[in-house]
Amino acid sequence: MYSGSRPKRAKWAYDGICPDPAVFGVLLQLGGPPKFKMKKIPVVEFEKCIGPCVGSARYNKLYISGNDVNVRWSESGEFKFSGTYGS
């Protein structure tokens, strides 16, 4: 068991492709196609769009531990979600 003062955290990332900007806008409830290349979305808002992000490892459950999720979008339709997770 970890007994330090800081909680254990690790980075996560998800890469994907969505060739239609309008569909990506609906996925993240943007009200239209994305008008950004990079944006921070609060975890609460991200989970409202995507659903709860929970994983399990041995005897622990893992959650997104940061305050925000980084969202990157390119005109080619490639996107990346990233952030930190921990128990």
N, C-alpha and C. Protein backbone atom coordinates (compact mmCIF):
# COMPACT_ATOMS: atom_id res chain seq x y z
N MET A 1 0.84 -1.17 0.00
CA MET A 1 0.00 0.00 0.00
C MET A 1 0.88 1.23 0.00
N TYR A 2 0.49 2.24 -0.74
CA TYR A 2 1.24 3.48 -0.87
C TYR A 2 1.03 4.35 0.35
N SER A 3 2.10 4.77 0.98
CA SER A 3 1.96 5.56 2.21
C SER A 3 2.52 6.96 2.07
N GLY A 4 2.87 7.39 0.86
CA GLY A 4 3.41 8.73 0.65
C GLY A 4 2.32 9.78 0.73
N SER A 5 2.71 11.03 0.65
CA SER A 5 1.74 12.12 0.76
C SER A 5 1.03 12.39 -0.56
N ARG A 6 1.64 11.99 -1.69
CA ARG A 6 0.99 12.21 -2.98
C ARG A 6 0.31 10.93 -3.45
N PRO A 7 -0.87 11.05 -4.03
CA PRO A 7 -1.51 9.85 -4.56
C PRO A 7 -0.77 9.36 -5.81
N LYS A 8 -0.82 8.07 -6.07
CA LYS A 8 -0.22 7.53 -7.28
C LYS A 8 -1.07 7.92 -8.48
N ARG A 9 -0.41 8.40 -9.51
CA ARG A 9 -1.10 8.77 -10.73
C ARG A 9 -0.28 8.33 -11.93
N ALA A 10 -0.95 8.03 -12.99
CA ALA A 10 -0.29 7.66 -14.24
C ALA A 10 -1.01 8.35 -15.38
N LYS A 11 -0.36 8.44 -16.51
CA LYS A 11 -0.96 9.09 -17.66
C LYS A 11 -1.67 8.07 -18.53
N TRP A 12 -2.73 8.51 -19.18
CA TRP A 12 -3.45 7.68 -20.12
C TRP A 12 -3.70 8.51 -21.38
N ALA A 13 -3.92 7.82 -22.49
CA ALA A 13 -4.25 8.49 -23.75
C ALA A 13 -5.08 7.55 -24.61
N TYR A 14 -5.97 8.13 -25.39
CA TYR A 14 -6.79 7.38 -26.33
C TYR A 14 -6.71 8.10 -27.66
N ASP A 15 -6.25 7.43 -28.69
CA ASP A 15 -6.19 7.99 -30.04
C ASP A 15 -7.32 7.41 -30.87
N GLY A 16 -7.91 8.25 -31.71
CA GLY A 16 -8.98 7.77 -32.57
C GLY A 16 -9.10 8.60 -33.82
N ILE A 17 -9.99 8.18 -34.70
CA ILE A 17 -10.26 8.89 -35.94
C ILE A 17 -11.77 9.04 -36.08
N CYS A 18 -12.19 10.26 -36.36
CA CYS A 18 -13.60 10.56 -36.65
C CYS A 18 -13.58 11.52 -37.84
N PRO A 19 -13.72 11.01 -39.06
CA PRO A 19 -13.55 11.85 -40.23
C PRO A 19 -14.60 12.95 -40.41
N ASP A 20 -15.71 12.86 -39.71
CA ASP A 20 -16.77 13.88 -39.84
C ASP A 20 -16.74 14.81 -38.62
N PRO A 21 -16.33 16.07 -38.80
CA PRO A 21 -16.27 17.00 -37.67
C PRO A 21 -17.61 17.20 -36.97
N ALA A 22 -18.71 17.12 -37.71
CA ALA A 22 -20.03 17.29 -37.10
C ALA A 22 -20.33 16.17 -36.11
N VAL A 23 -19.94 14.94 -36.45
CA VAL A 23 -20.15 13.79 -35.57
C VAL A 23 -19.30 13.94 -34.30
N PHE A 24 -18.05 14.39 -34.47
CA PHE A 24 -17.19 14.61 -33.30
C PHE A 24 -17.78 15.68 -32.39
N GLY A 25 -18.35 16.72 -32.99
CA GLY A 25 -19.01 17.77 -32.21
C GLY A 25 -20.20 17.25 -31.42
N VAL A 26 -20.96 16.33 -32.01
CA VAL A 26 -22.10 15.72 -31.31
C VAL A 26 -21.59 14.84 -30.17
N LEU A 27 -20.52 14.08 -30.42
CA LEU A 27 -19.96 13.20 -29.40
C LEU A 27 -19.60 13.96 -28.13
N LEU A 28 -19.01 15.15 -28.29
CA LEU A 28 -18.60 15.94 -27.14
C LEU A 28 -19.58 17.06 -26.79
N GLN A 29 -20.74 17.04 -27.41
CA GLN A 29 -21.79 18.04 -27.15
C GLN A 29 -21.25 19.46 -27.30
N LEU A 30 -20.58 19.72 -28.43
CA LEU A 30 -19.99 21.03 -28.68
C LEU A 30 -20.96 22.00 -29.35
N GLY A 31 -22.08 21.50 -29.84
CA GLY A 31 -23.03 22.37 -30.53
C GLY A 31 -22.61 22.66 -31.96
N GLY A 32 -21.77 21.82 -32.53
CA GLY A 32 -21.28 21.97 -33.90
C GLY A 32 -19.89 21.39 -34.01
N PRO A 33 -19.29 21.50 -35.18
CA PRO A 33 -17.94 20.98 -35.36
C PRO A 33 -16.94 21.69 -34.44
N PRO A 34 -15.86 21.02 -34.06
CA PRO A 34 -14.88 21.66 -33.18
C PRO A 34 -14.21 22.85 -33.85
N LYS A 35 -13.99 23.89 -33.09
CA LYS A 35 -13.31 25.10 -33.59
C LYS A 35 -11.99 25.28 -32.86
N PHE A 36 -11.41 24.20 -32.42
CA PHE A 36 -10.16 24.25 -31.66
C PHE A 36 -9.23 23.14 -32.11
N LYS A 37 -7.95 23.30 -31.81
CA LYS A 37 -6.98 22.22 -32.04
C LYS A 37 -6.72 21.49 -30.74
N MET A 38 -6.75 22.22 -29.63
CA MET A 38 -6.57 21.60 -28.32
C MET A 38 -7.44 22.34 -27.31
N LYS A 39 -8.04 21.55 -26.42
CA LYS A 39 -8.94 22.13 -25.42
C LYS A 39 -8.93 21.26 -24.18
N LYS A 40 -9.05 21.88 -23.01
CA LYS A 40 -9.20 21.14 -21.76
C LYS A 40 -10.68 21.12 -21.41
N ILE A 41 -11.19 19.92 -21.13
CA ILE A 41 -12.59 19.76 -20.75
C ILE A 41 -12.61 19.22 -19.33
N PRO A 42 -13.40 19.81 -18.44
CA PRO A 42 -13.49 19.27 -17.08
C PRO A 42 -13.95 17.81 -17.10
N VAL A 43 -13.41 17.01 -16.20
CA VAL A 43 -13.72 15.57 -16.15
C VAL A 43 -15.22 15.34 -16.05
N VAL A 44 -15.91 16.14 -15.26
CA VAL A 44 -17.37 15.97 -15.08
C VAL A 44 -18.08 16.12 -16.43
N GLU A 45 -17.70 17.13 -17.21
CA GLU A 45 -18.32 17.34 -18.52
C GLU A 45 -17.95 16.21 -19.49
N PHE A 46 -16.68 15.78 -19.45
CA PHE A 46 -16.22 14.69 -20.32
C PHE A 46 -17.03 13.41 -20.04
N GLU A 47 -17.22 13.08 -18.76
CA GLU A 47 -17.95 11.87 -18.42
C GLU A 47 -19.45 11.99 -18.72
N LYS A 48 -19.99 13.20 -18.78
CA LYS A 48 -21.39 13.37 -19.21
C LYS A 48 -21.53 12.98 -20.67
N CYS A 49 -20.50 13.27 -21.47
CA CYS A 49 -20.54 12.96 -22.91
C CYS A 49 -20.20 11.50 -23.19
N ILE A 50 -19.17 11.00 -22.58
CA ILE A 50 -18.63 9.68 -22.88
C ILE A 50 -19.22 8.59 -21.99
N GLY A 51 -19.53 8.94 -20.76
CA GLY A 51 -19.97 7.97 -19.77
C GLY A 51 -18.91 7.84 -18.69
N PRO A 52 -19.22 7.14 -17.61
CA PRO A 52 -18.25 7.01 -16.53
C PRO A 52 -17.00 6.25 -16.99
N CYS A 53 -15.85 6.75 -16.61
CA CYS A 53 -14.57 6.13 -16.98
C CYS A 53 -14.00 5.45 -15.75
N VAL A 54 -14.22 4.15 -15.64
CA VAL A 54 -13.77 3.36 -14.50
C VAL A 54 -13.12 2.09 -15.02
N GLY A 55 -12.00 1.73 -14.43
CA GLY A 55 -11.34 0.48 -14.77
C GLY A 55 -10.98 -0.23 -13.48
N SER A 56 -10.60 -1.48 -13.57
CA SER A 56 -10.21 -2.19 -12.36
C SER A 56 -8.88 -2.89 -12.60
N ALA A 57 -8.10 -2.97 -11.53
CA ALA A 57 -6.82 -3.66 -11.55
C ALA A 57 -6.63 -4.31 -10.19
N ARG A 58 -6.59 -5.61 -10.18
CA ARG A 58 -6.49 -6.38 -8.94
C ARG A 58 -7.61 -6.01 -7.99
N TYR A 59 -7.28 -5.35 -6.88
CA TYR A 59 -8.29 -5.05 -5.86
C TYR A 59 -8.71 -3.59 -5.85
N ASN A 60 -8.30 -2.82 -6.82
CA ASN A 60 -8.62 -1.39 -6.87
C ASN A 60 -9.46 -1.05 -8.09
N LYS A 61 -10.15 0.04 -7.99
CA LYS A 61 -10.82 0.63 -9.14
C LYS A 61 -10.02 1.86 -9.52
N LEU A 62 -9.92 2.12 -10.82
CA LEU A 62 -9.16 3.25 -11.33
C LEU A 62 -10.11 4.26 -11.95
N TYR A 63 -9.85 5.52 -11.69
CA TYR A 63 -10.68 6.62 -12.16
C TYR A 63 -9.79 7.69 -12.79
N ILE A 64 -10.39 8.56 -13.58
CA ILE A 64 -9.66 9.73 -14.05
C ILE A 64 -9.41 10.59 -12.82
N SER A 65 -8.14 10.92 -12.56
CA SER A 65 -7.81 11.61 -11.32
C SER A 65 -7.54 13.09 -11.50
N GLY A 66 -7.32 13.54 -12.69
CA GLY A 66 -7.06 14.97 -12.89
C GLY A 66 -8.36 15.76 -12.89
N ASN A 67 -8.24 17.06 -12.98
CA ASN A 67 -9.42 17.92 -13.05
C ASN A 67 -9.96 18.04 -14.47
N ASP A 68 -9.07 17.87 -15.45
CA ASP A 68 -9.43 18.07 -16.85
C ASP A 68 -8.96 16.92 -17.71
N VAL A 69 -9.60 16.78 -18.87
CA VAL A 69 -9.17 15.86 -19.92
C VAL A 69 -8.73 16.73 -21.09
N ASN A 70 -7.54 16.46 -21.63
CA ASN A 70 -7.05 17.19 -22.79
C ASN A 70 -7.64 16.56 -24.05
N VAL A 71 -8.18 17.40 -24.92
CA VAL A 71 -8.76 16.94 -26.18
C VAL A 71 -8.00 17.63 -27.31
N ARG A 72 -7.42 16.83 -28.20
CA ARG A 72 -6.76 17.37 -29.39
C ARG A 72 -7.53 16.92 -30.61
N TRP A 73 -7.68 17.83 -31.55
CA TRP A 73 -8.43 17.56 -32.78
C TRP A 73 -7.65 18.11 -33.95
N SER A 74 -7.56 17.35 -35.03
CA SER A 74 -6.93 17.85 -36.25
C SER A 74 -7.95 17.79 -37.39
N GLU A 75 -7.74 18.61 -38.39
CA GLU A 75 -8.65 18.69 -39.53
C GLU A 75 -8.74 17.37 -40.29
N SER A 76 -7.72 16.50 -40.14
CA SER A 76 -7.74 15.20 -40.83
C SER A 76 -8.69 14.21 -40.15
N GLY A 77 -9.26 14.59 -38.98
CA GLY A 77 -10.18 13.73 -38.26
C GLY A 77 -9.55 12.94 -37.14
N GLU A 78 -8.23 13.08 -36.98
CA GLU A 78 -7.56 12.39 -35.88
C GLU A 78 -7.79 13.16 -34.59
N PHE A 79 -8.02 12.42 -33.50
CA PHE A 79 -8.20 13.06 -32.21
C PHE A 79 -7.49 12.27 -31.14
N LYS A 80 -7.24 12.93 -30.01
CA LYS A 80 -6.60 12.28 -28.87
C LYS A 80 -7.20 12.83 -27.59
N PHE A 81 -7.61 11.93 -26.72
CA PHE A 81 -8.01 12.27 -25.35
C PHE A 81 -6.86 11.85 -24.46
N SER A 82 -6.49 12.67 -23.48
CA SER A 82 -5.43 12.29 -22.55
C SER A 82 -5.65 12.94 -21.19
N GLY A 83 -5.01 12.36 -20.19
CA GLY A 83 -5.13 12.88 -18.83
C GLY A 83 -4.37 11.98 -17.86
N THR A 84 -4.79 12.01 -16.60
CA THR A 84 -4.17 11.16 -15.58
C THR A 84 -5.24 10.30 -14.93
N TYR A 85 -4.80 9.16 -14.40
CA TYR A 85 -5.72 8.27 -13.68
C TYR A 85 -5.05 7.75 -12.43
N GLY A 86 -5.86 7.26 -11.52
CA GLY A 86 -5.35 6.68 -10.28
C GLY A 86 -6.49 6.03 -9.53
N SER A 87 -6.17 5.47 -8.37
CA SER A 87 -7.19 4.77 -7.58
C SER A 87 -7.80 5.67 -6.53
